[in-house]
Amino acid sequence: MPGTMDKLLTQLGVEQEQRSFAALSGKLADGLALPAPQGLFPRYVDPEAAA
């Protein structure tokens, strides 16, 4: 999960130095340009349906 949270914070545009409990403000910066979203977890594929 720590790696996944790193990916999530990157997608939200949170800089490395702002990733601490002390830096929590509850809101993202206004006008922040976000990168294209990417999946955080691998897609589940039902093994029986894939066969």
C-alpha atoms as a PDB file:
ATOM      1  CA  MET A   1       0.000   0.000   0.000  1.00  0.00           C
ATOM      2  CA  PRO A   2       2.768   2.572   0.618  1.00  0.00           C
ATOM      3  CA  GLY A   3       3.793   2.340  -3.030  1.00  0.00           C
ATOM      4  CA  THR A   4       0.203   2.725  -4.145  1.00  0.00           C
ATOM      5  CA  MET A   5      -0.280   5.811  -1.973  1.00  0.00           C
ATOM      6  CA  ASP A   6       2.845   7.281  -3.550  1.00  0.00           C
ATOM      7  CA  LYS A   7       1.282   6.753  -6.993  1.00  0.00           C
ATOM      8  CA  LEU A   8      -1.987   8.330  -5.815  1.00  0.00           C
ATOM      9  CA  LEU A   9      -0.266  11.397  -4.385  1.00  0.00           C
ATOM     10  CA  THR A  10       1.742  11.767  -7.591  1.00  0.00           C
ATOM     11  CA  GLN A  11      -1.488  11.693  -9.625  1.00  0.00           C
ATOM     12  CA  LEU A  12      -2.933  14.365  -7.321  1.00  0.00           C
ATOM     13  CA  GLY A  13       0.102  16.579  -7.920  1.00  0.00           C
ATOM     14  CA  VAL A  14       1.346  16.480  -4.321  1.00  0.00           C
ATOM     15  CA  GLU A  15       5.067  17.271  -4.209  1.00  0.00           C
ATOM     16  CA  GLN A  16       7.436  14.955  -2.295  1.00  0.00           C
ATOM     17  CA  GLU A  17       8.119  17.566   0.399  1.00  0.00           C
ATOM     18  CA  GLN A  18       4.370  17.921   1.038  1.00  0.00           C
ATOM     19  CA  ARG A  19       3.839  14.211   1.799  1.00  0.00           C
ATOM     20  CA  SER A  20       3.828  14.337   5.586  1.00  0.00           C
ATOM     21  CA  PHE A  21       1.192  14.573   8.289  1.00  0.00           C
ATOM     22  CA  ALA A  22       2.467  18.063   9.133  1.00  0.00           C
ATOM     23  CA  ALA A  23       1.762  19.211   5.552  1.00  0.00           C
ATOM     24  CA  LEU A  24      -1.843  17.974   5.452  1.00  0.00           C
ATOM     25  CA  SER A  25      -4.219  20.809   4.660  1.00  0.00           C
ATOM     26  CA  GLY A  26      -7.239  18.836   3.456  1.00  0.00           C
ATOM     27  CA  LYS A  27      -7.284  20.519   0.054  1.00  0.00           C
ATOM     28  CA  LEU A  28      -5.288  20.557  -3.176  1.00  0.00           C
ATOM     29  CA  ALA A  29      -3.922  23.791  -4.594  1.00  0.00           C
ATOM     30  CA  ASP A  30      -6.369  25.707  -6.807  1.00  0.00           C
ATOM     31  CA  GLY A  31      -5.658  25.539 -10.535  1.00  0.00           C
ATOM     32  CA  LEU A  32      -3.316  22.584 -10.204  1.00  0.00           C
ATOM     33  CA  ALA A  33      -2.858  20.776 -13.534  1.00  0.00           C
ATOM     34  CA  LEU A  34      -3.163  17.038 -12.937  1.00  0.00           C
ATOM     35  CA  PRO A  35      -1.588  14.341 -15.100  1.00  0.00           C
ATOM     36  CA  ALA A  36      -3.739  11.822 -16.954  1.00  0.00           C
ATOM     37  CA  PRO A  37      -5.136   9.305 -14.456  1.00  0.00           C
ATOM     38  CA  GLN A  38      -3.665   5.812 -14.327  1.00  0.00           C
ATOM     39  CA  GLY A  39      -4.861   2.703 -12.529  1.00  0.00           C
ATOM     40  CA  LEU A  40      -3.486   2.216  -9.030  1.00  0.00           C
ATOM     41  CA  PHE A  41      -4.196  -1.500  -8.808  1.00  0.00           C
ATOM     42  CA  PRO A  42      -4.071  -4.229 -11.459  1.00  0.00           C
ATOM     43  CA  ARG A  43      -7.392  -5.022 -13.083  1.00  0.00           C
ATOM     44  CA  TYR A  44      -9.054  -8.142 -11.689  1.00  0.00           C
ATOM     45  CA  VAL A  45      -9.665 -10.832 -14.284  1.00  0.00           C
ATOM     46  CA  ASP A  46     -11.857 -13.769 -13.301  1.00  0.00           C
ATOM     47  CA  PRO A  47      -9.764 -16.858 -14.125  1.00  0.00           C
ATOM     48  CA  GLU A  48     -12.851 -18.782 -15.210  1.00  0.00           C
ATOM     49  CA  ALA A  49     -14.029 -16.021 -17.542  1.00  0.00           C
ATOM     50  CA  ALA A  50     -10.562 -15.686 -19.099  1.00  0.00           C
ATOM     51  CA  ALA A  51     -10.510 -19.374 -20.101  1.00  0.00           C
END
